[in-house]
Amino acid sequence: MKTLKYNGKTYQFTEDIQPKVEGITEYILTNTYNVRCEVVFENGTLVYINELD
């Protein structure tokens, strides 16, 4: 399980998250509360998490 913190919230995902060291990596994942989220990394650093549902 992968845990990410963003804007004071904790998100847990069961999917494997392996962002690229260079460039932008975007995932559409479902967290443990069954909420779909857009997760974006730039150069391996979390940029934002956007709840889609």
PDB file of N, CA and C in Angstrom:
ATOM      1  N   MET A   1       0.850  -1.185   0.000  1.00  0.00           N
ATOM      2  CA  MET A   1       0.000   0.000   0.000  1.00  0.00           C
ATOM      3  C   MET A   1       0.891   1.243   0.000  1.00  0.00           C
ATOM      4  N   LYS A   2       0.544   2.213  -0.811  1.00  0.00           N
ATOM      5  CA  LYS A   2       1.302   3.461  -0.912  1.00  0.00           C
ATOM      6  C   LYS A   2       0.501   4.567  -0.232  1.00  0.00           C
ATOM      7  N   THR A   3       1.141   5.278   0.690  1.00  0.00           N
ATOM      8  CA  THR A   3       0.504   6.382   1.401  1.00  0.00           C
ATOM      9  C   THR A   3       1.135   7.693   0.964  1.00  0.00           C
ATOM     10  N   LEU A   4       0.284   8.651   0.587  1.00  0.00           N
ATOM     11  CA  LEU A   4       0.736   9.984   0.181  1.00  0.00           C
ATOM     12  C   LEU A   4       0.015  11.021   1.022  1.00  0.00           C
ATOM     13  N   LYS A   5       0.708  12.091   1.357  1.00  0.00           N
ATOM     14  CA  LYS A   5       0.098  13.212   2.079  1.00  0.00           C
ATOM     15  C   LYS A   5       0.110  14.424   1.170  1.00  0.00           C
ATOM     16  N   TYR A   6      -1.051  15.094   1.087  1.00  0.00           N
ATOM     17  CA  TYR A   6      -1.176  16.283   0.249  1.00  0.00           C
ATOM     18  C   TYR A   6      -2.238  17.196   0.854  1.00  0.00           C
ATOM     19  N   ASN A   7      -1.912  18.469   1.037  1.00  0.00           N
ATOM     20  CA  ASN A   7      -2.842  19.473   1.578  1.00  0.00           C
ATOM     21  C   ASN A   7      -3.485  19.023   2.891  1.00  0.00           C
ATOM     22  N   GLY A   8      -2.708  18.423   3.762  1.00  0.00           N
ATOM     23  CA  GLY A   8      -3.206  18.034   5.068  1.00  0.00           C
ATOM     24  C   GLY A   8      -4.039  16.765   5.088  1.00  0.00           C
ATOM     25  N   LYS A   9      -4.213  16.112   3.934  1.00  0.00           N
ATOM     26  CA  LYS A   9      -4.977  14.868   3.866  1.00  0.00           C
ATOM     27  C   LYS A   9      -4.023  13.711   3.581  1.00  0.00           C
ATOM     28  N   THR A  10      -4.371  12.541   4.070  1.00  0.00           N
ATOM     29  CA  THR A  10      -3.592  11.334   3.814  1.00  0.00           C
ATOM     30  C   THR A  10      -4.378  10.456   2.854  1.00  0.00           C
ATOM     31  N   TYR A  11      -3.721  10.017   1.786  1.00  0.00           N
ATOM     32  CA  TYR A  11      -4.327   9.165   0.778  1.00  0.00           C
ATOM     33  C   TYR A  11      -3.595   7.829   0.768  1.00  0.00           C
ATOM     34  N   GLN A  12      -4.359   6.738   0.724  1.00  0.00           N
ATOM     35  CA  GLN A  12      -3.768   5.413   0.637  1.00  0.00           C
ATOM     36  C   GLN A  12      -4.255   4.735  -0.630  1.00  0.00           C
ATOM     37  N   PHE A  13      -3.297   4.182  -1.388  1.00  0.00           N
ATOM     38  CA  PHE A  13      -3.590   3.502  -2.638  1.00  0.00           C
ATOM     39  C   PHE A  13      -2.969   2.110  -2.604  1.00  0.00           C
ATOM     40  N   THR A  14      -3.658   1.130  -3.169  1.00  0.00           N
ATOM     41  CA  THR A  14      -3.120  -0.223  -3.210  1.00  0.00           C
ATOM     42  C   THR A  14      -2.238  -0.434  -4.436  1.00  0.00           C
ATOM     43  N   GLU A  15      -2.407   0.391  -5.474  1.00  0.00           N
ATOM     44  CA  GLU A  15      -1.628   0.257  -6.705  1.00  0.00           C
ATOM     45  C   GLU A  15      -0.173   0.660  -6.478  1.00  0.00           C
ATOM     46  N   ASP A  16       0.699   0.098  -7.297  1.00  0.00           N
ATOM     47  CA  ASP A  16       2.119   0.425  -7.253  1.00  0.00           C
ATOM     48  C   ASP A  16       2.340   1.777  -7.929  1.00  0.00           C
ATOM     49  N   ILE A  17       2.985   2.701  -7.244  1.00  0.00           N
ATOM     50  CA  ILE A  17       3.261   4.041  -7.772  1.00  0.00           C
ATOM     51  C   ILE A  17       4.767   4.184  -7.913  1.00  0.00           C
ATOM     52  N   GLN A  18       5.236   4.373  -9.154  1.00  0.00           N
ATOM     53  CA  GLN A  18       6.664   4.529  -9.419  1.00  0.00           C
ATOM     54  C   GLN A  18       6.860   5.720 -10.360  1.00  0.00           C
ATOM     55  N   PRO A  19       6.846   6.952  -9.845  1.00  0.00           N
ATOM     56  CA  PRO A  19       6.986   8.119 -10.720  1.00  0.00           C
ATOM     57  C   PRO A  19       8.371   8.184 -11.355  1.00  0.00           C
ATOM     58  N   LYS A  20       8.412   8.759 -12.560  1.00  0.00           N
ATOM     59  CA  LYS A  20       9.676   8.941 -13.271  1.00  0.00           C
ATOM     60  C   LYS A  20      10.550   9.948 -12.536  1.00  0.00           C
ATOM     61  N   VAL A  21      11.848   9.743 -12.625  1.00  0.00           N
ATOM     62  CA  VAL A  21      12.793  10.671 -12.006  1.00  0.00           C
ATOM     63  C   VAL A  21      12.818  11.985 -12.791  1.00  0.00           C
ATOM     64  N   GLU A  22      12.628  11.896 -14.112  1.00  0.00           N
ATOM     65  CA  GLU A  22      12.580  13.093 -14.956  1.00  0.00           C
ATOM     66  C   GLU A  22      11.259  13.120 -15.707  1.00  0.00           C
ATOM     67  N   GLY A  23      10.640  14.274 -15.756  1.00  0.00           N
ATOM     68  CA  GLY A  23       9.400  14.417 -16.491  1.00  0.00           C
ATOM     69  C   GLY A  23       8.176  14.309 -15.595  1.00  0.00           C
ATOM     70  N   ILE A  24       7.016  14.251 -16.249  1.00  0.00           N
ATOM     71  CA  ILE A  24       5.735  14.222 -15.546  1.00  0.00           C
ATOM     72  C   ILE A  24       5.157  12.816 -15.597  1.00  0.00           C
ATOM     73  N   THR A  25       4.663  12.357 -14.456  1.00  0.00           N
ATOM     74  CA  THR A  25       3.976  11.068 -14.352  1.00  0.00           C
ATOM     75  C   THR A  25       2.598  11.328 -13.782  1.00  0.00           C
ATOM     76  N   GLU A  26       1.572  10.802 -14.453  1.00  0.00           N
ATOM     77  CA  GLU A  26       0.194  11.008 -13.997  1.00  0.00           C
ATOM     78  C   GLU A  26      -0.487   9.657 -13.817  1.00  0.00           C
ATOM     79  N   TYR A  27      -1.191   9.518 -12.713  1.00  0.00           N
ATOM     80  CA  TYR A  27      -1.940   8.299 -12.415  1.00  0.00           C
ATOM     81  C   TYR A  27      -3.390   8.657 -12.142  1.00  0.00           C
ATOM     82  N   ILE A  28      -4.291   7.752 -12.495  1.00  0.00           N
ATOM     83  CA  ILE A  28      -5.679   7.807 -12.041  1.00  0.00           C
ATOM     84  C   ILE A  28      -5.840   6.577 -11.157  1.00  0.00           C
ATOM     85  N   LEU A  29      -6.017   6.799  -9.852  1.00  0.00           N
ATOM     86  CA  LEU A  29      -6.039   5.725  -8.867  1.00  0.00           C
ATOM     87  C   LEU A  29      -7.281   5.824  -8.004  1.00  0.00           C
ATOM     88  N   THR A  30      -7.654   4.727  -7.392  1.00  0.00           N
ATOM     89  CA  THR A  30      -8.762   4.708  -6.443  1.00  0.00           C
ATOM     90  C   THR A  30      -8.182   4.493  -5.054  1.00  0.00           C
ATOM     91  N   ASN A  31      -8.529   5.401  -4.126  1.00  0.00           N
ATOM     92  CA  ASN A  31      -7.972   5.279  -2.776  1.00  0.00           C
ATOM     93  C   ASN A  31      -8.778   4.272  -1.960  1.00  0.00           C
ATOM     94  N   THR A  32      -8.373   4.069  -0.731  1.00  0.00           N
ATOM     95  CA  THR A  32      -9.010   3.058   0.116  1.00  0.00           C
ATOM     96  C   THR A  32     -10.451   3.415   0.482  1.00  0.00           C
ATOM     97  N   TYR A  33     -10.874   4.659   0.246  1.00  0.00           N
ATOM     98  CA  TYR A  33     -12.258   5.073   0.491  1.00  0.00           C
ATOM     99  C   TYR A  33     -13.080   5.039  -0.789  1.00  0.00           C
ATOM    100  N   ASN A  34     -12.533   4.379  -1.828  1.00  0.00           N
ATOM    101  CA  ASN A  34     -13.195   4.196  -3.121  1.00  0.00           C
ATOM    102  C   ASN A  34     -13.444   5.526  -3.847  1.00  0.00           C
ATOM    103  N   VAL A  35     -12.525   6.477  -3.676  1.00  0.00           N
ATOM    104  CA  VAL A  35     -12.581   7.758  -4.370  1.00  0.00           C
ATOM    105  C   VAL A  35     -11.493   7.762  -5.435  1.00  0.00           C
ATOM    106  N   ARG A  36     -11.892   8.039  -6.683  1.00  0.00           N
ATOM    107  CA  ARG A  36     -10.899   8.123  -7.761  1.00  0.00           C
ATOM    108  C   ARG A  36     -10.136   9.433  -7.646  1.00  0.00           C
ATOM    109  N   CYS A  37      -8.823   9.345  -7.843  1.00  0.00           N
ATOM    110  CA  CYS A  37      -7.960  10.504  -7.702  1.00  0.00           C
ATOM    111  C   CYS A  37      -6.989  10.595  -8.875  1.00  0.00           C
ATOM    112  N   GLU A  38      -6.749  11.810  -9.317  1.00  0.00           N
ATOM    113  CA  GLU A  38      -5.688  12.082 -10.286  1.00  0.00           C
ATOM    114  C   GLU A  38      -4.462  12.459  -9.453  1.00  0.00           C
ATOM    115  N   VAL A  39      -3.378  11.724  -9.641  1.00  0.00           N
ATOM    116  CA  VAL A  39      -2.151  11.938  -8.875  1.00  0.00           C
ATOM    117  C   VAL A  39      -1.048  12.298  -9.867  1.00  0.00           C
ATOM    118  N   VAL A  40      -0.420  13.475  -9.677  1.00  0.00           N
ATOM    119  CA  VAL A  40       0.583  13.961 -10.625  1.00  0.00           C
ATOM    120  C   VAL A  40       1.908  14.205  -9.915  1.00  0.00           C
ATOM    121  N   PHE A  41       2.975  13.668 -10.515  1.00  0.00           N
ATOM    122  CA  PHE A  41       4.334  13.860 -10.047  1.00  0.00           C
ATOM    123  C   PHE A  41       5.120  14.581 -11.129  1.00  0.00           C
ATOM    124  N   GLU A  42       6.050  15.438 -10.730  1.00  0.00           N
ATOM    125  CA  GLU A  42       6.984  16.063 -11.668  1.00  0.00           C
ATOM    126  C   GLU A  42       8.390  15.820 -11.137  1.00  0.00           C
ATOM    127  N   ASN A  43       9.204  15.192 -11.964  1.00  0.00           N
ATOM    128  CA  ASN A  43      10.575  14.839 -11.594  1.00  0.00           C
ATOM    129  C   ASN A  43      10.621  14.061 -10.280  1.00  0.00           C
ATOM    130  N   GLY A  44       9.660  13.146 -10.100  1.00  0.00           N
ATOM    131  CA  GLY A  44       9.629  12.288  -8.923  1.00  0.00           C
ATOM    132  C   GLY A  44       9.023  12.902  -7.678  1.00  0.00           C
ATOM    133  N   THR A  45       8.591  14.164  -7.757  1.00  0.00           N
ATOM    134  CA  THR A  45       8.019  14.864  -6.608  1.00  0.00           C
ATOM    135  C   THR A  45       6.515  15.047  -6.811  1.00  0.00           C
ATOM    136  N   LEU A  46       5.738  14.751  -5.775  1.00  0.00           N
ATOM    137  CA  LEU A  46       4.291  14.911  -5.847  1.00  0.00           C
ATOM    138  C   LEU A  46       3.934  16.376  -6.070  1.00  0.00           C
ATOM    139  N   VAL A  47       3.139  16.639  -7.125  1.00  0.00           N
ATOM    140  CA  VAL A  47       2.705  18.004  -7.444  1.00  0.00           C
ATOM    141  C   VAL A  47       1.304  18.245  -6.884  1.00  0.00           C
ATOM    142  N   TYR A  48       0.378  17.321  -7.153  1.00  0.00           N
ATOM    143  CA  TYR A  48      -0.965  17.464  -6.603  1.00  0.00           C
ATOM    144  C   TYR A  48      -1.743  16.163  -6.690  1.00  0.00           C
ATOM    145  N   ILE A  49      -2.808  16.119  -5.872  1.00  0.00           N
ATOM    146  CA  ILE A  49      -3.801  15.039  -5.924  1.00  0.00           C
ATOM    147  C   ILE A  49      -5.150  15.717  -6.066  1.00  0.00           C
ATOM    148  N   ASN A  50      -5.889  15.310  -7.085  1.00  0.00           N
ATOM    149  CA  ASN A  50      -7.204  15.877  -7.366  1.00  0.00           C
ATOM    150  C   ASN A  50      -8.238  14.763  -7.241  1.00  0.00           C
ATOM    151  N   GLU A  51      -9.198  14.913  -6.327  1.00  0.00           N
ATOM    152  CA  GLU A  51     -10.268  13.931  -6.174  1.00  0.00           C
ATOM    153  C   GLU A  51     -11.259  14.124  -7.316  1.00  0.00           C
ATOM    154  N   LEU A  52     -11.546  13.063  -8.075  1.00  0.00           N
ATOM    155  CA  LEU A  52     -12.373  13.154  -9.274  1.00  0.00           C
ATOM    156  C   LEU A  52     -13.851  12.873  -9.046  1.00  0.00           C
ATOM    157  N   ASP A  53     -14.193  12.116  -8.033  1.00  0.00           N
ATOM    158  CA  ASP A  53     -15.601  11.728  -7.849  1.00  0.00           C
ATOM    159  C   ASP A  53     -16.377  12.757  -7.104  1.00  0.00           C
TER     160      ASP A  53
END
